[in-house]
Amino acid sequence: MNQRELFYKHLAQTSPEPLAIEIERAEGVYLYDTSGKSYMDLISGISVSNLGHSHSQIVQAVQEQAAKYMHTNVYGEYVLSPQVQLANKLVSVLPSNLQSVYFVNSGAEATEGAIKLAKRFTGRSELISCENAYHGCTNGALSLMGNADFTKAFRPLLPDTRKIRFGNTEDLNTITSKTAAVFIEPVQGEAGIRYANNAYWQALRLKCDETGALLVFDEIQSGFARTGTLFAFEQLEITPDILLLAKGLGGGMPLGAFISSHEIMHSLTYQPALGHITTFGGHPVCCAAALASLQLIIEEKLYQAIPEKSALFEGYLSHLKPVKAIRRKGLMIAIEFEDIDFNFKCIRKCIEKGVIVDWFLFCDTAMRIAPPLIITEREIEKACEIIATSIQENE
């Protein structure tokens, strides 16, 4: 059997129609299949490869750490330099109330850890999230998902969860003294790049302060310069009580984190001790890759060029007749069309022509664009030419 046949035979499938492109190597903003065909990666593995693929300094960090040691013990037992250095670098660029880092394996586990932390610290059980929210697919994270089509097959989920409308100030009255935490994305990703004005965020922060509910920001997709600042919440003039990170955090390696104050995080250490446990969370090789990635983003100030690059996409594509709207926060971009079928035809045509784009779980009429942050103006122009041609061929 060839690799494609074995892929279908032995790997669990996540959808009826996977792309099934056999990747041989990747470099910069390009993926290459076994025939040598190149694909410009405009989704970055869903906002993961912020510095592109096979960045030499990240590869070097991985190789050097792997040669020293890999797994040594369950998370938190030994003093491991890659974890310590990465945590120190993260808190150096975060507000003073976000100074205690718990490293995990993924965004979903970051959500799960934050759920437990909020319940443990507040002594409350109610969790509030938004309609069309996405916080991961494990059982607890799925309970916060704001789309019934994706949750109804797995019920019953966690009790005491409630949904509010994103950006709707009136719905903030749902938050009460019974609420342990409000989980929210500063930029809703799977909803098709939705955002709210700063008045909403001010009102949300005030309501959480008044009721004692913890405010949890999910920056799993929006973090690490993708929106034009290192973290999207920097643009909102408020600070969360708990911050969730993953995807772009690891520089291409699997890594997540939930971050809070020392006071809040300390509640996981007693009654019971080991309130959250992970074997591979904060894996030394992953932390080494993450540190190299974060240092590069900061040293090269990649976030400064993001607004201009984002505007180029809109400038090249907004005039096309089938495009109904473009929503963007930095290099999180949604190209909205009239219907689902047209969107999927355009996506397939783009991939055929060597540009990988995608759709959104809760907004399947929109095309997802989230390229590596290192994409050049010329590469943006080239990608948009192919996207425009694909759209026009489907009119």
Protein backbone atom coordinates (compact mmCIF):
# COMPACT_ATOMS: atom_id res chain seq x y z
CA MET A 1 0.00 0.00 0.00
CA ASN A 2 1.12 3.57 -0.65
CA GLN A 3 1.06 6.34 1.96
CA ARG A 4 -2.34 7.66 0.85
CA GLU A 5 -3.95 4.22 1.15
CA LEU A 6 -2.41 3.71 4.59
CA PHE A 7 -3.64 7.17 5.60
CA TYR A 8 -7.24 6.11 4.98
CA LYS A 9 -6.75 2.59 6.34
CA HIS A 10 -5.11 3.27 9.71
CA LEU A 11 -5.49 6.94 10.66
CA ALA A 12 -8.78 7.97 12.27
CA GLN A 13 -10.55 10.37 9.94
CA THR A 14 -11.92 13.69 11.14
CA SER A 15 -14.11 14.46 8.13
CA PRO A 16 -15.64 12.66 5.16
CA GLU A 17 -13.40 14.57 2.73
CA PRO A 18 -9.90 15.34 4.06
CA LEU A 19 -7.60 17.35 1.79
CA ALA A 20 -5.26 14.32 1.69
CA ILE A 21 -2.33 16.30 0.28
CA GLU A 22 0.79 14.26 1.01
CA ILE A 23 3.29 16.75 2.43
CA GLU A 24 6.97 15.97 1.91
CA ARG A 25 8.54 19.17 3.28
CA ALA A 26 7.73 22.74 4.24
CA GLU A 27 9.69 25.97 4.25
CA GLY A 28 8.71 29.58 4.87
CA VAL A 29 5.15 30.14 3.66
CA TYR A 30 5.19 27.06 1.41
CA LEU A 31 4.25 23.41 1.72
CA TYR A 32 5.51 20.90 -0.88
CA ASP A 33 3.83 17.63 -1.80
CA THR A 34 5.52 14.44 -2.97
CA SER A 35 5.24 15.46 -6.62
CA GLY A 36 7.13 18.69 -5.89
CA LYS A 37 4.07 20.93 -6.23
CA SER A 38 4.19 23.95 -3.94
CA TYR A 39 1.29 25.33 -1.94
CA MET A 40 1.30 28.77 -0.37
CA ASP A 41 0.05 28.20 3.17
CA LEU A 42 -2.49 30.93 3.92
CA ILE A 43 -3.86 29.30 7.07
CA SER A 44 -0.64 28.51 9.00
CA GLY A 45 -2.05 25.23 10.25
CA ILE A 46 -4.89 27.37 11.72
CA SER A 47 -2.81 30.22 13.18
CA VAL A 48 0.04 28.00 14.39
CA SER A 49 3.04 28.62 12.12
CA ASN A 50 3.36 32.35 12.76
CA LEU A 51 7.01 32.33 11.70
CA GLY A 52 6.38 30.03 8.77
CA HIS A 53 7.69 26.51 8.39
CA SER A 54 11.14 25.19 9.31
CA HIS A 55 12.49 28.49 10.60
CA SER A 56 16.22 27.88 11.08
CA GLN A 57 16.40 29.30 14.62
CA ILE A 58 13.41 27.28 15.83
CA VAL A 59 14.80 24.12 14.23
CA GLN A 60 18.14 24.78 15.91
CA ALA A 61 16.47 25.26 19.31
CA VAL A 62 14.60 21.96 18.90
CA GLN A 63 17.73 20.06 17.88
CA GLU A 64 19.85 21.47 20.71
CA GLN A 65 17.25 20.74 23.39
CA ALA A 66 16.51 17.24 22.07
CA ALA A 67 20.23 16.46 22.35
CA LYS A 68 20.24 17.57 26.01
CA TYR A 69 17.10 15.93 27.36
CA MET A 70 13.46 15.41 26.48
CA HIS A 71 10.85 14.06 28.91
CA THR A 72 12.17 13.75 32.47
CA ASN A 73 9.14 13.62 34.80
CA VAL A 74 5.55 14.78 35.04
CA TYR A 75 5.10 18.54 34.74
CA GLY A 76 6.11 20.60 37.76
CA GLU A 77 8.45 18.18 39.54
CA TYR A 78 11.86 19.21 38.18
CA VAL A 79 13.40 22.60 37.44
CA LEU A 80 13.73 22.52 33.65
CA SER A 81 15.47 25.45 32.03
CA PRO A 82 13.32 25.64 28.84
CA GLN A 83 10.14 25.90 30.94
CA VAL A 84 11.62 28.46 33.32
CA GLN A 85 13.06 30.62 30.54
CA LEU A 86 9.85 30.56 28.50
CA ALA A 87 7.66 31.40 31.50
CA ASN A 88 10.00 34.25 32.42
CA LYS A 89 9.89 35.63 28.85
CA LEU A 90 6.11 35.39 28.70
CA VAL A 91 5.47 37.21 31.98
CA SER A 92 7.96 39.91 30.97
CA VAL A 93 5.56 40.99 28.20
CA LEU A 94 2.32 40.54 30.18
CA PRO A 95 0.54 42.71 32.78
CA SER A 96 1.55 42.32 36.42
CA ASN A 97 -1.51 40.22 37.31
CA LEU A 98 -0.53 37.55 34.75
CA GLN A 99 2.64 36.22 36.33
CA SER A 100 2.03 32.52 36.96
CA VAL A 101 2.18 30.15 33.97
CA TYR A 102 0.89 26.59 33.78
CA PHE A 103 2.13 24.84 30.62
CA VAL A 104 -0.06 22.18 29.01
CA ASN A 105 -0.20 20.34 25.68
CA SER A 106 -2.85 22.21 23.70
CA GLY A 107 -5.46 24.92 23.60
CA ALA A 108 -8.20 22.55 24.68
CA GLU A 109 -6.22 21.53 27.75
CA ALA A 110 -5.56 25.20 28.53
CA THR A 111 -9.33 25.69 28.52
CA GLU A 112 -9.87 22.63 30.72
CA GLY A 113 -7.24 23.84 33.19
CA ALA A 114 -8.82 27.29 33.33
CA ILE A 115 -12.27 25.79 33.96
CA LYS A 116 -10.93 23.89 36.94
CA LEU A 117 -8.95 26.88 38.17
CA ALA A 118 -11.97 29.21 38.01
CA LYS A 119 -14.19 26.75 39.87
CA ARG A 120 -11.55 26.04 42.49
CA PHE A 121 -10.68 29.68 43.18
CA THR A 122 -14.23 31.09 43.25
CA GLY A 123 -16.02 28.08 44.75
CA ARG A 124 -18.69 28.58 42.08
CA SER A 125 -19.80 26.31 39.26
CA GLU A 126 -21.47 28.50 36.61
CA LEU A 127 -19.51 29.10 33.40
CA ILE A 128 -20.54 31.63 30.75
CA SER A 129 -19.34 31.69 27.14
CA CYS A 130 -20.56 33.21 23.89
CA GLU A 131 -22.71 32.03 21.04
CA ASN A 132 -20.48 30.75 18.21
CA ALA A 133 -17.53 30.53 20.58
CA TYR A 134 -14.82 27.94 20.07
CA HIS A 135 -12.58 26.92 22.99
CA GLY A 136 -11.61 23.36 22.03
CA CYS A 137 -13.21 19.94 21.57
CA THR A 138 -12.59 18.05 24.81
CA ASN A 139 -15.64 17.52 27.00
CA GLY A 140 -15.30 20.60 29.21
CA ALA A 141 -14.18 22.86 26.38
CA LEU A 142 -17.01 21.53 24.22
CA SER A 143 -19.43 22.58 26.95
CA LEU A 144 -18.35 26.17 26.29
CA MET A 145 -18.77 25.86 22.54
CA GLY A 146 -21.47 28.16 21.27
CA ASN A 147 -22.87 26.12 18.39
CA ALA A 148 -25.40 23.36 19.04
CA ASP A 149 -24.71 21.60 15.74
CA PHE A 150 -21.27 20.66 17.06
CA THR A 151 -22.30 19.74 20.59
CA LYS A 152 -25.66 17.94 20.44
CA ALA A 153 -24.12 14.58 19.49
CA PHE A 154 -22.01 14.54 22.68
CA ARG A 155 -24.54 15.50 25.36
CA PRO A 156 -24.82 15.54 28.29
CA LEU A 157 -22.02 18.06 28.71
CA LEU A 158 -21.03 20.07 31.78
CA PRO A 159 -23.95 21.46 33.79
CA ASP A 160 -24.18 25.13 34.79
CA THR A 161 -23.05 26.56 31.46
CA ARG A 162 -24.77 29.54 29.86
CA LYS A 163 -24.38 31.36 26.55
CA ILE A 164 -24.49 35.07 25.83
CA ARG A 165 -24.36 37.02 22.57
CA PHE A 166 -20.87 38.24 21.71
CA GLY A 167 -20.65 42.03 21.82
CA ASN A 168 -24.15 42.47 23.28
CA THR A 169 -23.93 44.67 26.39
CA GLU A 170 -27.46 43.80 27.55
CA ASP A 171 -26.49 40.12 27.87
CA LEU A 172 -23.82 40.99 30.41
CA ASN A 173 -26.60 41.02 33.01
CA THR A 174 -26.44 37.22 32.77
CA ILE A 175 -23.19 37.44 34.78
CA THR A 176 -24.01 37.22 38.49
CA SER A 177 -22.52 36.31 41.85
CA LYS A 178 -23.11 32.66 40.86
CA THR A 179 -20.72 32.92 37.91
CA ALA A 180 -17.27 31.38 38.30
CA ALA A 181 -15.90 32.69 35.00
CA VAL A 182 -16.70 34.22 31.64
CA PHE A 183 -14.76 32.65 28.77
CA ILE A 184 -14.45 34.86 25.71
CA GLU A 185 -12.28 35.38 22.63
CA PRO A 186 -11.06 38.95 22.05
CA VAL A 187 -11.55 38.11 18.38
CA GLN A 188 -14.01 35.33 17.64
CA GLY A 189 -12.20 33.00 15.27
CA GLU A 190 -14.53 30.21 14.17
CA ALA A 191 -17.45 32.64 14.06
CA GLY A 192 -15.75 34.22 11.05
CA ILE A 193 -13.59 36.97 12.64
CA ARG A 194 -16.00 38.92 14.84
CA TYR A 195 -15.00 41.68 17.23
CA ALA A 196 -16.64 44.17 19.57
CA ASN A 197 -16.03 47.82 20.44
CA ASN A 198 -14.04 48.88 23.48
CA ALA A 199 -17.16 50.06 25.33
CA TYR A 200 -18.32 46.44 25.40
CA TRP A 201 -15.03 45.25 26.84
CA GLN A 202 -15.05 47.95 29.50
CA ALA A 203 -18.58 46.95 30.49
CA LEU A 204 -17.62 43.26 30.60
CA ARG A 205 -14.61 43.93 32.82
CA LEU A 206 -16.73 46.06 35.16
CA LYS A 207 -19.46 43.40 35.40
CA CYS A 208 -16.93 40.70 36.27
CA ASP A 209 -15.38 42.96 38.92
CA GLU A 210 -18.79 43.71 40.43
CA THR A 211 -19.83 40.05 40.63
CA GLY A 212 -16.48 38.45 41.45
CA ALA A 213 -16.53 36.39 38.26
CA LEU A 214 -13.17 35.72 36.64
CA LEU A 215 -12.63 37.00 33.11
CA VAL A 216 -10.89 34.45 30.87
CA PHE A 217 -9.50 35.58 27.52
CA ASP A 218 -8.97 32.87 24.93
CA GLU A 219 -6.08 34.08 22.77
CA ILE A 220 -5.34 30.66 21.37
CA GLN A 221 -5.88 31.88 17.80
CA SER A 222 -5.26 35.61 18.21
CA GLY A 223 -2.03 35.57 20.22
CA PHE A 224 1.58 36.22 19.28
CA ALA A 225 1.30 39.28 17.02
CA ARG A 226 -1.40 37.95 14.70
CA THR A 227 -3.73 40.92 15.31
CA GLY A 228 -1.03 43.60 15.18
CA THR A 229 -0.10 43.58 18.85
CA LEU A 230 1.62 40.79 20.72
CA PHE A 231 -1.75 39.92 22.31
CA ALA A 232 -5.13 41.09 21.06
CA PHE A 233 -6.29 42.17 24.53
CA GLU A 234 -3.69 44.96 24.43
CA GLN A 235 -6.04 46.77 22.03
CA LEU A 236 -9.03 46.51 24.39
CA GLU A 237 -7.70 48.55 27.33
CA ILE A 238 -8.57 45.83 29.84
CA THR A 239 -6.75 42.86 31.32
CA PRO A 240 -8.16 39.35 31.89
CA ASP A 241 -7.85 37.34 35.09
CA ILE A 242 -6.80 34.25 33.15
CA LEU A 243 -5.18 34.13 29.71
CA LEU A 244 -5.29 31.06 27.42
CA LEU A 245 -2.53 30.47 24.87
CA ALA A 246 -1.62 27.71 22.42
CA LYS A 247 -1.31 27.40 18.61
CA GLY A 248 1.28 30.10 17.78
CA LEU A 249 2.85 29.71 21.23
CA GLY A 250 4.82 26.58 20.33
CA GLY A 251 6.47 27.81 17.13
CA GLY A 252 5.11 24.72 15.37
CA MET A 253 5.41 22.37 18.36
CA PRO A 254 2.44 21.26 20.54
CA LEU A 255 2.18 23.57 23.54
CA GLY A 256 -0.50 25.44 25.46
CA ALA A 257 -0.69 27.51 28.63
CA PHE A 258 -3.12 29.10 31.03
CA ILE A 259 -1.75 32.11 32.88
CA SER A 260 -3.07 33.96 35.92
CA SER A 261 -1.98 35.67 39.11
CA HIS A 262 0.01 33.88 41.80
CA GLU A 263 -2.99 34.16 44.14
CA ILE A 264 -5.44 32.54 41.75
CA MET A 265 -3.06 29.89 40.43
CA HIS A 266 -1.96 28.86 43.93
CA SER A 267 -5.43 27.45 44.57
CA LEU A 268 -4.51 24.43 42.41
CA THR A 269 -1.78 23.40 44.84
CA TYR A 270 -3.94 22.45 47.83
CA GLN A 271 -7.33 20.86 48.71
CA PRO A 272 -6.40 18.83 46.75
CA ALA A 273 -2.72 18.99 46.06
CA LEU A 274 -1.95 18.41 42.37
CA GLY A 275 -5.21 20.08 41.39
CA HIS A 276 -4.21 19.82 37.75
CA ILE A 277 -1.74 17.25 36.47
CA THR A 278 -0.17 16.73 33.06
CA THR A 279 2.57 14.31 32.05
CA PHE A 280 3.81 15.99 28.88
CA GLY A 281 2.66 19.59 29.41
CA GLY A 282 5.54 22.01 28.97
CA HIS A 283 7.67 19.43 27.18
CA PRO A 284 11.25 20.76 27.17
CA VAL A 285 11.63 20.56 23.39
CA CYS A 286 8.33 22.36 22.84
CA CYS A 287 9.29 25.07 25.32
CA ALA A 288 12.65 25.56 23.61
CA ALA A 289 10.90 26.02 20.26
CA ALA A 290 8.38 28.39 21.84
CA LEU A 291 11.10 30.52 23.43
CA ALA A 292 12.95 30.84 20.12
CA SER A 293 9.70 31.80 18.37
CA LEU A 294 8.67 34.38 20.97
CA GLN A 295 12.13 35.96 21.02
CA LEU A 296 12.10 36.30 17.22
CA ILE A 297 8.64 37.88 17.18
CA ILE A 298 9.68 40.41 19.82
CA GLU A 299 13.19 41.16 18.48
CA GLU A 300 12.02 41.57 14.89
CA LYS A 301 8.86 43.46 15.99
CA LEU A 302 6.79 41.44 13.53
CA TYR A 303 3.55 42.90 14.90
CA GLN A 304 4.40 46.34 13.47
CA ALA A 305 3.93 45.23 9.86
CA ILE A 306 0.72 43.26 10.43
CA PRO A 307 -1.84 46.09 9.95
CA GLU A 308 -0.31 47.02 6.58
CA LYS A 309 -0.19 43.41 5.40
CA SER A 310 -3.80 42.93 6.50
CA ALA A 311 -4.89 46.00 4.56
CA LEU A 312 -3.20 44.67 1.41
CA PHE A 313 -5.47 41.60 1.41
CA GLU A 314 -8.56 43.79 1.62
CA GLY A 315 -7.23 46.15 -1.03
CA TYR A 316 -6.65 43.34 -3.51
CA LEU A 317 -9.90 41.44 -2.87
CA SER A 318 -12.64 43.82 -1.71
CA HIS A 319 -13.53 45.05 -5.22
CA LEU A 320 -14.52 41.58 -6.44
CA LYS A 321 -18.27 41.41 -7.03
CA PRO A 322 -18.96 38.09 -5.22
CA VAL A 323 -17.23 39.37 -2.06
CA LYS A 324 -19.99 40.58 0.29
CA ALA A 325 -17.78 41.65 3.20
CA ILE A 326 -14.24 41.42 4.52
CA ARG A 327 -13.71 41.22 8.28
CA ARG A 328 -10.16 41.38 9.59
CA LYS A 329 -8.12 41.84 12.71
CA GLY A 330 -4.55 41.83 11.55
CA LEU A 331 -3.85 38.55 9.78
CA MET A 332 -7.10 36.98 10.94
CA ILE A 333 -9.23 37.57 7.86
CA ALA A 334 -12.66 36.41 6.69
CA ILE A 335 -13.79 36.86 3.07
CA GLU A 336 -17.58 36.60 3.10
CA PHE A 337 -19.55 35.28 0.13
CA GLU A 338 -23.25 34.89 -0.57
CA ASP A 339 -23.53 31.16 0.09
CA ILE A 340 -21.73 28.03 1.27
CA ASP A 341 -21.44 26.31 -2.10
CA PHE A 342 -19.73 29.27 -3.73
CA ASN A 343 -17.28 29.55 -0.84
CA PHE A 344 -16.33 25.88 -1.00
CA LYS A 345 -15.92 26.00 -4.77
CA CYS A 346 -13.55 28.95 -4.39
CA ILE A 347 -11.60 27.18 -1.65
CA ARG A 348 -11.18 24.05 -3.77
CA LYS A 349 -10.11 26.11 -6.78
CA CYS A 350 -7.53 28.01 -4.71
CA ILE A 351 -6.03 24.75 -3.46
CA GLU A 352 -5.90 23.36 -7.00
CA LYS A 353 -3.96 26.47 -8.00
CA GLY A 354 -1.54 26.14 -5.09
CA VAL A 355 -2.96 28.44 -2.40
CA ILE A 356 -4.29 26.82 0.76
CA VAL A 357 -7.25 28.65 2.29
CA ASP A 358 -10.01 27.30 4.49
CA TRP A 359 -13.44 27.98 5.97
CA PHE A 360 -14.76 28.63 9.48
CA LEU A 361 -16.62 26.09 11.60
CA PHE A 362 -19.47 28.46 12.43
CA CYS A 363 -19.32 30.65 9.33
CA ASP A 364 -19.10 28.40 6.31
CA THR A 365 -19.97 31.21 3.90
CA ALA A 366 -16.57 32.83 4.55
CA MET A 367 -13.05 31.98 3.41
CA ARG A 368 -10.36 31.89 6.10
CA ILE A 369 -7.04 33.66 5.53
CA ALA A 370 -4.44 33.50 8.30
CA PRO A 371 -0.98 33.31 6.72
CA PRO A 372 2.38 33.17 8.48
CA LEU A 373 3.28 36.60 9.80
CA ILE A 374 6.47 36.55 7.73
CA ILE A 375 4.55 36.63 4.44
CA THR A 376 5.93 39.35 2.17
CA GLU A 377 4.02 42.00 0.23
CA ARG A 378 4.94 40.24 -3.02
CA GLU A 379 3.66 36.93 -1.68
CA ILE A 380 0.42 38.60 -0.60
CA GLU A 381 0.02 40.03 -4.09
CA LYS A 382 0.69 36.63 -5.68
CA ALA A 383 -1.74 34.87 -3.34
CA CYS A 384 -4.47 37.43 -3.95
CA GLU A 385 -4.05 37.11 -7.72
CA ILE A 386 -4.74 33.37 -7.41
CA ILE A 387 -7.64 33.91 -4.98
CA ALA A 388 -9.17 36.54 -7.29
CA THR A 389 -8.84 34.27 -10.32
CA SER A 390 -10.42 31.38 -8.40
CA ILE A 391 -13.35 33.59 -7.37
CA GLN A 392 -13.87 34.91 -10.89
CA GLU A 393 -13.75 31.41 -12.42
CA ASN A 394 -16.59 30.36 -10.12
CA GLU A 395 -18.88 33.33 -10.84
